[in-house]
Amino acid sequence: AGQHRSAPLQRLSLCLQPVLTNLLAPSPCLLVLLQPVEVTALAWNPASLQLGLGTAKGTGMLIELATRAATPLQLARSTKAITCMAWSALAAPGGLLALGCKGGALVLCRAADGCVVKSRQKKATISQLQFRDPDTSAAAAGGGGLLAATAANPALLAATVGRRAVAVWQLPQALGSEGGGASGAFELAFREAYGNLE
């Protein structure tokens, strides 16, 4: 099973040179090589030439265009299809990648090595993710560095859950503790009359 999953990574890595030559040009080779695995989510790291990919099989990878290296995300075998991704440039050194999955799993992975930092389980599929990074100019003025966040300048992660609710976590409080707890997290639910969140 491990060899079957790694084959698309190897073939994709070999095909990245044309993409590096002209990032704006379409790459038919890249499209063909991705066919064996259905890619269901992708997102660029805002701080580097690193692309995150998620698949219908619940697997993922980080593609570093500068070196053509492909790093598999260290996801649990029980992970279902990845439905969405979002990057934070400031939540961890090198960046933090959030993945939303069918079945309600929320997974945070480090950009440096693809390891899972934290996971949370919601009751329905997560279909959208969005980070709000703290204002770096405000952090620098306070002497706290890039990761500084205050009540007036928080780091946040929002997710659409089941198309009827939006969950918001304040980082690192809500996702940093084992117990999860209510501190730093809240959920907004919408009545059926308002329709679905697309």
N, C-alpha and C. Protein backbone atom coordinates (compact mmCIF):
# COMPACT_ATOMS: atom_id res chain seq x y z
N ALA A 1 0.83 -1.20 0.00
CA ALA A 1 0.00 0.00 0.00
C ALA A 1 0.87 1.25 0.00
N GLY A 2 1.99 1.21 0.78
CA GLY A 2 2.89 2.35 0.85
C GLY A 2 3.53 2.67 -0.50
N GLN A 3 3.91 1.59 -1.27
CA GLN A 3 4.51 1.80 -2.57
C GLN A 3 3.49 2.39 -3.54
N HIS A 4 2.24 1.94 -3.44
CA HIS A 4 1.21 2.44 -4.34
C HIS A 4 0.98 3.94 -4.12
N ARG A 5 1.02 4.38 -2.86
CA ARG A 5 0.79 5.78 -2.56
C ARG A 5 1.97 6.64 -2.98
N SER A 6 3.20 6.12 -2.90
CA SER A 6 4.37 6.93 -3.19
C SER A 6 4.63 7.08 -4.68
N ALA A 7 4.10 6.18 -5.51
CA ALA A 7 4.36 6.24 -6.95
C ALA A 7 3.94 7.57 -7.57
N PRO A 8 2.71 8.08 -7.30
CA PRO A 8 2.34 9.38 -7.87
C PRO A 8 3.26 10.51 -7.41
N LEU A 9 3.79 10.41 -6.17
CA LEU A 9 4.70 11.43 -5.67
C LEU A 9 5.98 11.45 -6.51
N GLN A 10 6.52 10.26 -6.79
CA GLN A 10 7.76 10.18 -7.55
C GLN A 10 7.57 10.70 -8.96
N ARG A 11 6.46 10.28 -9.61
CA ARG A 11 6.23 10.72 -10.97
C ARG A 11 5.94 12.21 -11.04
N LEU A 12 5.24 12.74 -10.04
CA LEU A 12 4.97 14.17 -10.01
C LEU A 12 6.25 14.96 -9.83
N SER A 13 7.14 14.48 -8.95
CA SER A 13 8.40 15.17 -8.71
C SER A 13 9.23 15.25 -9.99
N LEU A 14 9.24 14.19 -10.78
CA LEU A 14 10.02 14.16 -12.02
C LEU A 14 9.46 15.11 -13.07
N CYS A 15 8.21 15.50 -12.92
CA CYS A 15 7.54 16.30 -13.93
C CYS A 15 7.53 17.79 -13.60
N LEU A 16 8.18 18.20 -12.52
CA LEU A 16 8.07 19.59 -12.08
C LEU A 16 9.00 20.55 -12.80
N GLN A 17 10.03 20.06 -13.51
CA GLN A 17 10.97 20.96 -14.16
C GLN A 17 10.29 21.90 -15.16
N PRO A 18 9.37 21.42 -16.02
CA PRO A 18 8.69 22.36 -16.93
C PRO A 18 7.90 23.43 -16.17
N VAL A 19 7.38 23.09 -15.01
CA VAL A 19 6.63 24.07 -14.23
C VAL A 19 7.57 25.14 -13.69
N LEU A 20 8.78 24.76 -13.28
CA LEU A 20 9.75 25.73 -12.79
C LEU A 20 10.20 26.66 -13.90
N THR A 21 10.30 26.16 -15.14
CA THR A 21 10.75 26.96 -16.27
C THR A 21 9.78 28.09 -16.55
N ASN A 22 8.47 27.79 -16.46
CA ASN A 22 7.46 28.81 -16.71
C ASN A 22 6.25 28.51 -15.86
N LEU A 23 6.16 29.14 -14.71
CA LEU A 23 5.10 28.83 -13.75
C LEU A 23 3.73 29.19 -14.29
N LEU A 24 3.65 30.12 -15.23
CA LEU A 24 2.36 30.55 -15.73
C LEU A 24 1.86 29.69 -16.89
N ALA A 25 2.73 28.90 -17.48
CA ALA A 25 2.32 28.09 -18.63
C ALA A 25 1.60 26.84 -18.17
N PRO A 26 0.53 26.42 -18.88
CA PRO A 26 -0.13 25.17 -18.52
C PRO A 26 0.80 23.99 -18.76
N SER A 27 0.69 22.97 -17.93
CA SER A 27 1.57 21.80 -18.05
C SER A 27 0.73 20.55 -18.28
N PRO A 28 0.50 20.13 -19.53
CA PRO A 28 -0.26 18.92 -19.80
C PRO A 28 0.34 17.70 -19.11
N CYS A 29 1.66 17.66 -19.02
CA CYS A 29 2.32 16.52 -18.37
C CYS A 29 1.90 16.42 -16.92
N LEU A 30 1.85 17.56 -16.23
CA LEU A 30 1.45 17.57 -14.82
C LEU A 30 0.02 17.07 -14.65
N LEU A 31 -0.87 17.50 -15.54
CA LEU A 31 -2.26 17.09 -15.45
C LEU A 31 -2.41 15.59 -15.66
N VAL A 32 -1.66 15.04 -16.59
CA VAL A 32 -1.74 13.60 -16.87
C VAL A 32 -1.23 12.80 -15.68
N LEU A 33 -0.13 13.23 -15.10
CA LEU A 33 0.46 12.46 -14.01
C LEU A 33 -0.38 12.49 -12.74
N LEU A 34 -1.26 13.48 -12.59
CA LEU A 34 -2.10 13.54 -11.41
C LEU A 34 -3.35 12.67 -11.54
N GLN A 35 -3.62 12.13 -12.71
CA GLN A 35 -4.84 11.36 -12.92
C GLN A 35 -4.97 10.12 -12.03
N PRO A 36 -3.87 9.37 -11.72
CA PRO A 36 -4.04 8.18 -10.87
C PRO A 36 -4.58 8.49 -9.47
N VAL A 37 -4.36 9.71 -8.98
CA VAL A 37 -4.87 10.11 -7.67
C VAL A 37 -5.70 11.37 -7.85
N GLU A 38 -6.95 11.34 -7.42
CA GLU A 38 -7.83 12.49 -7.58
C GLU A 38 -7.48 13.57 -6.56
N VAL A 39 -6.98 14.70 -7.05
CA VAL A 39 -6.64 15.82 -6.18
C VAL A 39 -7.90 16.61 -5.89
N THR A 40 -8.24 16.75 -4.61
CA THR A 40 -9.48 17.40 -4.21
C THR A 40 -9.26 18.74 -3.54
N ALA A 41 -8.01 19.08 -3.20
CA ALA A 41 -7.72 20.37 -2.57
C ALA A 41 -6.27 20.74 -2.83
N LEU A 42 -6.00 22.03 -2.96
CA LEU A 42 -4.63 22.50 -3.09
C LEU A 42 -4.54 23.93 -2.60
N ALA A 43 -3.36 24.31 -2.12
CA ALA A 43 -3.13 25.66 -1.61
C ALA A 43 -1.65 25.97 -1.60
N TRP A 44 -1.31 27.22 -1.92
CA TRP A 44 0.07 27.68 -1.90
C TRP A 44 0.45 28.18 -0.51
N ASN A 45 1.67 27.89 -0.10
CA ASN A 45 2.24 28.51 1.08
C ASN A 45 2.51 29.98 0.75
N PRO A 46 1.92 30.94 1.49
CA PRO A 46 2.10 32.35 1.15
C PRO A 46 3.52 32.86 1.33
N ALA A 47 4.36 32.08 2.02
CA ALA A 47 5.72 32.54 2.31
C ALA A 47 6.79 31.87 1.44
N SER A 48 6.40 30.90 0.59
CA SER A 48 7.40 30.20 -0.20
C SER A 48 6.76 29.53 -1.41
N LEU A 49 7.61 28.97 -2.28
CA LEU A 49 7.12 28.22 -3.44
C LEU A 49 6.83 26.78 -3.03
N GLN A 50 5.89 26.63 -2.14
CA GLN A 50 5.51 25.31 -1.63
C GLN A 50 4.01 25.13 -1.84
N LEU A 51 3.65 24.02 -2.45
CA LEU A 51 2.26 23.74 -2.77
C LEU A 51 1.77 22.54 -1.99
N GLY A 52 0.64 22.70 -1.31
CA GLY A 52 0.03 21.58 -0.61
C GLY A 52 -1.05 20.95 -1.46
N LEU A 53 -1.07 19.62 -1.51
CA LEU A 53 -2.07 18.88 -2.28
C LEU A 53 -2.76 17.87 -1.37
N GLY A 54 -4.08 17.76 -1.51
CA GLY A 54 -4.86 16.76 -0.78
C GLY A 54 -5.65 15.92 -1.75
N THR A 55 -5.89 14.66 -1.42
CA THR A 55 -6.52 13.74 -2.36
C THR A 55 -7.83 13.16 -1.81
N ALA A 56 -8.56 12.52 -2.71
CA ALA A 56 -9.82 11.88 -2.36
C ALA A 56 -9.60 10.66 -1.47
N LYS A 57 -8.36 10.16 -1.42
CA LYS A 57 -8.06 8.98 -0.60
C LYS A 57 -7.62 9.36 0.81
N GLY A 58 -7.64 10.66 1.14
CA GLY A 58 -7.22 11.07 2.47
C GLY A 58 -5.72 11.14 2.64
N THR A 59 -5.00 11.28 1.55
CA THR A 59 -3.55 11.45 1.60
C THR A 59 -3.21 12.86 1.14
N GLY A 60 -1.99 13.29 1.39
CA GLY A 60 -1.58 14.62 0.96
C GLY A 60 -0.08 14.71 0.82
N MET A 61 0.38 15.78 0.19
CA MET A 61 1.82 15.98 0.01
C MET A 61 2.13 17.46 -0.07
N LEU A 62 3.37 17.78 0.22
CA LEU A 62 3.90 19.12 0.07
C LEU A 62 4.92 19.11 -1.05
N ILE A 63 4.72 19.95 -2.06
CA ILE A 63 5.64 20.03 -3.19
C ILE A 63 6.47 21.30 -3.06
N GLU A 64 7.79 21.16 -2.96
CA GLU A 64 8.70 22.30 -2.89
C GLU A 64 9.25 22.53 -4.29
N LEU A 65 8.77 23.59 -4.97
CA LEU A 65 9.15 23.80 -6.35
C LEU A 65 10.62 24.14 -6.53
N ALA A 66 11.22 24.79 -5.55
CA ALA A 66 12.62 25.18 -5.68
C ALA A 66 13.55 23.98 -5.75
N THR A 67 13.20 22.89 -5.06
CA THR A 67 14.06 21.71 -5.02
C THR A 67 13.42 20.48 -5.68
N ARG A 68 12.15 20.61 -6.10
CA ARG A 68 11.38 19.51 -6.68
C ARG A 68 11.19 18.36 -5.68
N ALA A 69 11.24 18.68 -4.38
CA ALA A 69 11.04 17.66 -3.36
C ALA A 69 9.56 17.50 -3.05
N ALA A 70 9.13 16.25 -2.86
CA ALA A 70 7.75 15.94 -2.49
C ALA A 70 7.75 15.28 -1.12
N THR A 71 7.09 15.93 -0.15
CA THR A 71 7.04 15.42 1.22
C THR A 71 5.63 14.96 1.54
N PRO A 72 5.41 13.66 1.80
CA PRO A 72 4.06 13.19 2.16
C PRO A 72 3.62 13.76 3.50
N LEU A 73 2.36 14.12 3.61
CA LEU A 73 1.80 14.52 4.90
C LEU A 73 1.59 13.28 5.74
N GLN A 74 1.96 13.35 7.03
CA GLN A 74 1.91 12.19 7.91
C GLN A 74 0.50 12.04 8.51
N LEU A 75 -0.46 11.73 7.67
CA LEU A 75 -1.85 11.65 8.09
C LEU A 75 -2.20 10.23 8.53
N ALA A 76 -3.18 10.13 9.42
CA ALA A 76 -3.64 8.83 9.89
C ALA A 76 -4.31 8.07 8.75
N ARG A 77 -4.24 6.75 8.80
CA ARG A 77 -4.86 5.93 7.76
C ARG A 77 -6.38 6.11 7.72
N SER A 78 -6.94 6.53 8.84
CA SER A 78 -8.40 6.70 8.91
C SER A 78 -8.87 8.02 8.29
N THR A 79 -7.92 8.87 7.87
CA THR A 79 -8.29 10.16 7.29
C THR A 79 -9.10 9.97 6.02
N LYS A 80 -10.23 10.67 5.92
CA LYS A 80 -11.08 10.58 4.73
C LYS A 80 -10.67 11.65 3.73
N ALA A 81 -11.42 11.75 2.64
CA ALA A 81 -11.08 12.67 1.56
C ALA A 81 -10.84 14.08 2.09
N ILE A 82 -9.78 14.70 1.59
CA ILE A 82 -9.46 16.08 1.98
C ILE A 82 -10.28 17.02 1.10
N THR A 83 -11.05 17.87 1.72
CA THR A 83 -11.98 18.73 0.99
C THR A 83 -11.48 20.15 0.80
N CYS A 84 -10.58 20.62 1.68
CA CYS A 84 -10.09 21.99 1.58
C CYS A 84 -8.78 22.15 2.34
N MET A 85 -8.04 23.22 2.01
CA MET A 85 -6.77 23.51 2.65
C MET A 85 -6.63 25.01 2.84
N ALA A 86 -5.83 25.40 3.84
CA ALA A 86 -5.48 26.80 4.03
C ALA A 86 -4.13 26.89 4.72
N TRP A 87 -3.35 27.91 4.38
CA TRP A 87 -2.03 28.11 4.95
C TRP A 87 -2.00 29.29 5.91
N SER A 88 -1.21 29.19 6.94
CA SER A 88 -0.84 30.32 7.77
C SER A 88 0.67 30.46 7.71
N ALA A 89 1.14 31.64 7.36
CA ALA A 89 2.58 31.86 7.27
C ALA A 89 3.21 32.08 8.64
N LEU A 90 2.40 32.41 9.64
CA LEU A 90 2.96 32.85 10.92
C LEU A 90 2.67 31.94 12.10
N ALA A 91 1.77 31.00 11.95
CA ALA A 91 1.37 30.17 13.09
C ALA A 91 2.44 29.17 13.52
N ALA A 92 3.42 28.90 12.66
CA ALA A 92 4.52 27.99 12.99
C ALA A 92 5.71 28.36 12.11
N PRO A 93 6.93 28.10 12.56
CA PRO A 93 8.10 28.38 11.73
C PRO A 93 8.00 27.66 10.38
N GLY A 94 8.09 28.40 9.30
CA GLY A 94 7.98 27.81 7.97
C GLY A 94 6.56 27.72 7.46
N GLY A 95 5.58 27.90 8.35
CA GLY A 95 4.19 27.85 7.92
C GLY A 95 3.44 26.68 8.52
N LEU A 96 2.11 26.82 8.55
CA LEU A 96 1.23 25.79 9.09
C LEU A 96 0.11 25.55 8.08
N LEU A 97 -0.13 24.29 7.76
CA LEU A 97 -1.15 23.93 6.78
C LEU A 97 -2.34 23.29 7.49
N ALA A 98 -3.53 23.84 7.26
CA ALA A 98 -4.76 23.27 7.82
C ALA A 98 -5.48 22.49 6.74
N LEU A 99 -5.99 21.31 7.09
CA LEU A 99 -6.73 20.47 6.16
C LEU A 99 -8.11 20.19 6.73
N GLY A 100 -9.14 20.37 5.90
CA GLY A 100 -10.49 19.98 6.27
C GLY A 100 -10.84 18.70 5.53
N CYS A 101 -11.54 17.79 6.21
CA CYS A 101 -11.78 16.47 5.63
C CYS A 101 -13.26 16.10 5.65
N LYS A 102 -13.62 15.22 4.75
CA LYS A 102 -14.94 14.63 4.76
C LYS A 102 -15.10 13.86 6.07
N GLY A 103 -16.24 14.02 6.73
CA GLY A 103 -16.43 13.37 8.01
C GLY A 103 -16.14 14.28 9.19
N GLY A 104 -15.55 15.49 8.92
CA GLY A 104 -15.39 16.48 9.97
C GLY A 104 -14.04 16.60 10.62
N ALA A 105 -13.02 15.91 10.12
CA ALA A 105 -11.69 16.03 10.73
C ALA A 105 -11.01 17.33 10.30
N LEU A 106 -10.41 18.02 11.26
CA LEU A 106 -9.57 19.18 11.01
C LEU A 106 -8.16 18.81 11.44
N VAL A 107 -7.20 18.94 10.52
CA VAL A 107 -5.82 18.52 10.78
C VAL A 107 -4.88 19.68 10.50
N LEU A 108 -3.93 19.91 11.42
CA LEU A 108 -2.91 20.93 11.23
C LEU A 108 -1.56 20.25 11.05
N CYS A 109 -0.85 20.62 9.97
CA CYS A 109 0.45 20.01 9.65
C CYS A 109 1.52 21.09 9.53
N ARG A 110 2.74 20.76 9.98
CA ARG A 110 3.87 21.67 9.81
C ARG A 110 4.35 21.64 8.37
N ALA A 111 4.71 22.81 7.85
CA ALA A 111 5.22 22.89 6.48
C ALA A 111 6.61 22.28 6.36
N ALA A 112 7.37 22.32 7.45
CA ALA A 112 8.76 21.87 7.40
C ALA A 112 8.90 20.38 7.10
N ASP A 113 8.01 19.55 7.69
CA ASP A 113 8.18 18.10 7.54
C ASP A 113 6.88 17.33 7.30
N GLY A 114 5.75 18.03 7.24
CA GLY A 114 4.48 17.35 6.97
C GLY A 114 3.89 16.63 8.17
N CYS A 115 4.49 16.78 9.35
CA CYS A 115 3.97 16.10 10.55
C CYS A 115 2.73 16.80 11.10
N VAL A 116 1.84 16.01 11.66
CA VAL A 116 0.61 16.54 12.22
C VAL A 116 0.91 17.19 13.57
N VAL A 117 0.48 18.44 13.73
CA VAL A 117 0.66 19.17 14.98
C VAL A 117 -0.53 18.93 15.90
N LYS A 118 -1.72 18.97 15.34
CA LYS A 118 -2.94 18.80 16.13
C LYS A 118 -4.09 18.43 15.20
N SER A 119 -5.07 17.72 15.74
CA SER A 119 -6.27 17.41 14.97
C SER A 119 -7.49 17.59 15.87
N ARG A 120 -8.60 17.93 15.25
CA ARG A 120 -9.87 18.09 15.95
C ARG A 120 -10.96 17.43 15.12
N GLN A 121 -11.99 16.97 15.78
CA GLN A 121 -13.09 16.29 15.08
C GLN A 121 -14.38 17.07 15.24
N LYS A 122 -15.01 17.43 14.11
CA LYS A 122 -16.31 18.07 14.12
C LYS A 122 -17.36 17.05 13.66
N LYS A 123 -18.64 17.46 13.74
CA LYS A 123 -19.72 16.51 13.46
C LYS A 123 -20.05 16.37 11.98
N ALA A 124 -19.54 17.27 11.14
CA ALA A 124 -19.87 17.23 9.71
C ALA A 124 -18.66 17.65 8.89
N THR A 125 -18.73 17.40 7.60
CA THR A 125 -17.63 17.69 6.69
C THR A 125 -17.23 19.16 6.73
N ILE A 126 -15.93 19.41 6.73
CA ILE A 126 -15.40 20.77 6.65
C ILE A 126 -15.16 21.09 5.18
N SER A 127 -15.84 22.13 4.69
CA SER A 127 -15.77 22.42 3.26
C SER A 127 -14.96 23.67 2.92
N GLN A 128 -14.70 24.55 3.90
CA GLN A 128 -13.89 25.74 3.66
C GLN A 128 -13.05 26.04 4.89
N LEU A 129 -11.84 26.56 4.66
CA LEU A 129 -10.95 26.97 5.74
C LEU A 129 -10.36 28.33 5.42
N GLN A 130 -10.14 29.15 6.45
CA GLN A 130 -9.51 30.45 6.24
C GLN A 130 -8.75 30.85 7.50
N PHE A 131 -7.44 31.16 7.33
CA PHE A 131 -6.64 31.68 8.43
C PHE A 131 -6.72 33.20 8.46
N ARG A 132 -6.60 33.73 9.67
CA ARG A 132 -6.40 35.17 9.85
C ARG A 132 -5.13 35.29 10.67
N ASP A 133 -4.01 35.69 10.03
CA ASP A 133 -2.74 35.83 10.72
C ASP A 133 -2.70 37.17 11.45
N PRO A 134 -2.00 37.22 12.60
CA PRO A 134 -1.87 38.50 13.30
C PRO A 134 -1.10 39.50 12.46
N ASP A 135 -1.37 40.77 12.68
CA ASP A 135 -0.70 41.85 11.98
C ASP A 135 0.77 41.88 12.40
N THR A 136 1.68 41.63 11.46
CA THR A 136 3.11 41.55 11.80
C THR A 136 3.68 42.89 12.22
N SER A 137 3.16 43.98 11.68
CA SER A 137 3.67 45.30 12.06
C SER A 137 3.31 45.59 13.51
N ALA A 138 2.09 45.18 13.92
CA ALA A 138 1.69 45.37 15.32
C ALA A 138 2.52 44.51 16.24
N ALA A 139 2.82 43.27 15.80
CA ALA A 139 3.62 42.37 16.62
C ALA A 139 5.03 42.91 16.80
N ALA A 140 5.61 43.45 15.72
CA ALA A 140 6.96 43.98 15.79
C ALA A 140 7.02 45.19 16.71
N ALA A 141 5.99 46.04 16.64
CA ALA A 141 5.95 47.24 17.47
C ALA A 141 5.90 46.87 18.95
N GLY A 142 5.25 45.73 19.26
CA GLY A 142 5.15 45.30 20.65
C GLY A 142 6.34 44.50 21.11
N GLY A 143 7.28 44.24 20.19
CA GLY A 143 8.48 43.51 20.57
C GLY A 143 8.26 42.01 20.71
N GLY A 144 7.13 41.49 20.20
CA GLY A 144 6.84 40.09 20.39
C GLY A 144 7.26 39.19 19.24
N GLY A 145 7.72 39.77 18.12
CA GLY A 145 8.11 38.95 16.99
C GLY A 145 6.92 38.53 16.15
N LEU A 146 7.16 37.67 15.18
CA LEU A 146 6.14 37.30 14.20
C LEU A 146 4.97 36.55 14.82
N LEU A 147 5.20 35.77 15.86
CA LEU A 147 4.14 34.93 16.39
C LEU A 147 3.32 35.63 17.47
N ALA A 148 3.63 36.89 17.75
CA ALA A 148 2.91 37.59 18.79
C ALA A 148 1.45 37.81 18.38
N ALA A 149 0.52 37.52 19.29
CA ALA A 149 -0.89 37.75 19.05
C ALA A 149 -1.53 38.17 20.36
N THR A 150 -2.41 39.15 20.27
CA THR A 150 -3.09 39.64 21.45
C THR A 150 -4.59 39.58 21.22
N ALA A 151 -5.36 39.97 22.22
CA ALA A 151 -6.81 39.97 22.07
C ALA A 151 -7.24 40.91 20.95
N ALA A 152 -6.48 42.00 20.76
CA ALA A 152 -6.81 42.95 19.70
C ALA A 152 -6.19 42.57 18.36
N ASN A 153 -5.26 41.62 18.36
CA ASN A 153 -4.56 41.21 17.15
C ASN A 153 -4.40 39.69 17.15
N PRO A 154 -5.51 38.95 17.10
CA PRO A 154 -5.44 37.49 17.27
C PRO A 154 -5.09 36.74 15.98
N ALA A 155 -4.58 35.54 16.17
CA ALA A 155 -4.44 34.59 15.07
C ALA A 155 -5.66 33.68 15.12
N LEU A 156 -6.37 33.56 14.01
CA LEU A 156 -7.65 32.84 13.99
C LEU A 156 -7.69 31.84 12.83
N LEU A 157 -8.48 30.80 13.02
CA LEU A 157 -8.77 29.84 11.96
C LEU A 157 -10.28 29.62 11.94
N ALA A 158 -10.89 29.83 10.76
CA ALA A 158 -12.33 29.65 10.60
C ALA A 158 -12.59 28.49 9.65
N ALA A 159 -13.66 27.75 9.91
CA ALA A 159 -14.02 26.59 9.08
C ALA A 159 -15.53 26.53 8.89
N THR A 160 -15.95 26.22 7.67
CA THR A 160 -17.36 25.95 7.41
C THR A 160 -17.61 24.48 7.71
N VAL A 161 -18.55 24.20 8.60
CA VAL A 161 -18.82 22.83 9.04
C VAL A 161 -20.23 22.43 8.62
N GLY A 162 -20.31 21.40 7.78
CA GLY A 162 -21.61 20.88 7.37
C GLY A 162 -22.49 21.87 6.62
N ARG A 163 -21.91 22.95 6.09
CA ARG A 163 -22.63 23.95 5.30
C ARG A 163 -23.71 24.68 6.08
N ARG A 164 -23.74 24.49 7.40
CA ARG A 164 -24.74 25.16 8.23
C ARG A 164 -24.13 25.87 9.44
N ALA A 165 -22.82 25.77 9.61
CA ALA A 165 -22.17 26.37 10.77
C ALA A 165 -20.76 26.81 10.42
N VAL A 166 -20.28 27.81 11.15
CA VAL A 166 -18.90 28.27 11.02
C VAL A 166 -18.23 28.16 12.39
N ALA A 167 -17.15 27.41 12.44
CA ALA A 167 -16.38 27.26 13.68
C ALA A 167 -15.16 28.16 13.60
N VAL A 168 -14.84 28.82 14.70
CA VAL A 168 -13.69 29.72 14.76
C VAL A 168 -12.83 29.35 15.96
N TRP A 169 -11.52 29.20 15.72
CA TRP A 169 -10.56 28.90 16.78
C TRP A 169 -9.55 30.02 16.88
N GLN A 170 -9.21 30.41 18.12
CA GLN A 170 -8.12 31.35 18.33
C GLN A 170 -6.86 30.54 18.60
N LEU A 171 -5.82 30.83 17.86
CA LEU A 171 -4.56 30.10 17.97
C LEU A 171 -3.58 30.86 18.86
N PRO A 172 -2.80 30.15 19.67
CA PRO A 172 -2.77 28.70 19.80
C PRO A 172 -3.69 28.14 20.87
N GLN A 173 -4.48 28.98 21.54
CA GLN A 173 -5.24 28.54 22.70
C GLN A 173 -6.16 27.35 22.39
N ALA A 174 -6.98 27.46 21.35
CA ALA A 174 -8.01 26.46 21.11
C ALA A 174 -7.45 25.12 20.64
N LEU A 175 -6.36 25.15 19.88
CA LEU A 175 -5.83 23.92 19.31
C LEU A 175 -4.58 23.43 20.02
N GLY A 176 -4.08 24.21 20.96
CA GLY A 176 -2.83 23.84 21.61
C GLY A 176 -2.99 22.90 22.77
N SER A 177 -4.16 22.87 23.42
CA SER A 177 -4.35 22.01 24.59
C SER A 177 -4.97 20.69 24.20
N GLU A 178 -4.64 19.67 24.95
CA GLU A 178 -5.16 18.33 24.65
C GLU A 178 -6.67 18.25 24.83
N GLY A 179 -7.16 18.95 25.83
CA GLY A 179 -8.57 18.85 26.12
C GLY A 179 -9.47 19.61 25.17
N GLY A 180 -8.89 20.54 24.39
CA GLY A 180 -9.69 21.32 23.47
C GLY A 180 -10.39 22.44 24.21
N GLY A 181 -11.39 22.11 25.01
CA GLY A 181 -12.04 23.10 25.85
C GLY A 181 -12.79 24.14 25.05
N ALA A 182 -13.49 25.02 25.75
CA ALA A 182 -14.24 26.07 25.09
C ALA A 182 -13.42 27.34 24.93
N SER A 183 -12.30 27.45 25.67
CA SER A 183 -11.50 28.66 25.61
C SER A 183 -10.89 28.83 24.23
N GLY A 184 -11.12 30.02 23.64
CA GLY A 184 -10.52 30.30 22.34
C GLY A 184 -11.26 29.70 21.18
N ALA A 185 -12.45 29.15 21.37
CA ALA A 185 -13.19 28.55 20.26
C ALA A 185 -14.68 28.86 20.40
N PHE A 186 -15.33 29.08 19.26
CA PHE A 186 -16.78 29.25 19.28
C PHE A 186 -17.35 28.84 17.93
N GLU A 187 -18.66 28.65 17.86
CA GLU A 187 -19.30 28.18 16.63
C GLU A 187 -20.56 29.00 16.37
N LEU A 188 -20.73 29.39 15.10
CA LEU A 188 -21.90 30.13 14.66
C LEU A 188 -22.78 29.19 13.83
N ALA A 189 -24.00 28.98 14.26
CA ALA A 189 -24.91 28.10 13.53
C ALA A 189 -25.96 28.95 12.81
N PHE A 190 -26.37 28.50 11.61
CA PHE A 190 -27.33 29.24 10.79
C PHE A 190 -28.61 28.43 10.63
N ARG A 191 -29.73 29.10 10.75
CA ARG A 191 -31.01 28.43 10.58
C ARG A 191 -31.21 28.02 9.13
N GLU A 192 -32.07 27.02 8.93
CA GLU A 192 -32.32 26.50 7.59
C GLU A 192 -32.83 27.57 6.65
N ALA A 193 -33.56 28.55 7.17
CA ALA A 193 -34.12 29.61 6.34
C ALA A 193 -33.05 30.43 5.63
N TYR A 194 -31.84 30.46 6.21
CA TYR A 194 -30.76 31.24 5.61
C TYR A 194 -30.08 30.51 4.47
N GLY A 195 -30.38 29.22 4.29
CA GLY A 195 -29.75 28.45 3.22
C GLY A 195 -28.42 27.87 3.66
N ASN A 196 -27.72 27.26 2.69
CA ASN A 196 -26.45 26.61 2.97
C ASN A 196 -25.29 27.57 2.71
N LEU A 197 -24.17 27.32 3.41
CA LEU A 197 -22.94 28.06 3.18
C LEU A 197 -22.19 27.35 2.05
N GLU A 198 -21.99 28.04 0.96
CA GLU A 198 -21.34 27.42 -0.20
C GLU A 198 -19.84 27.70 -0.18
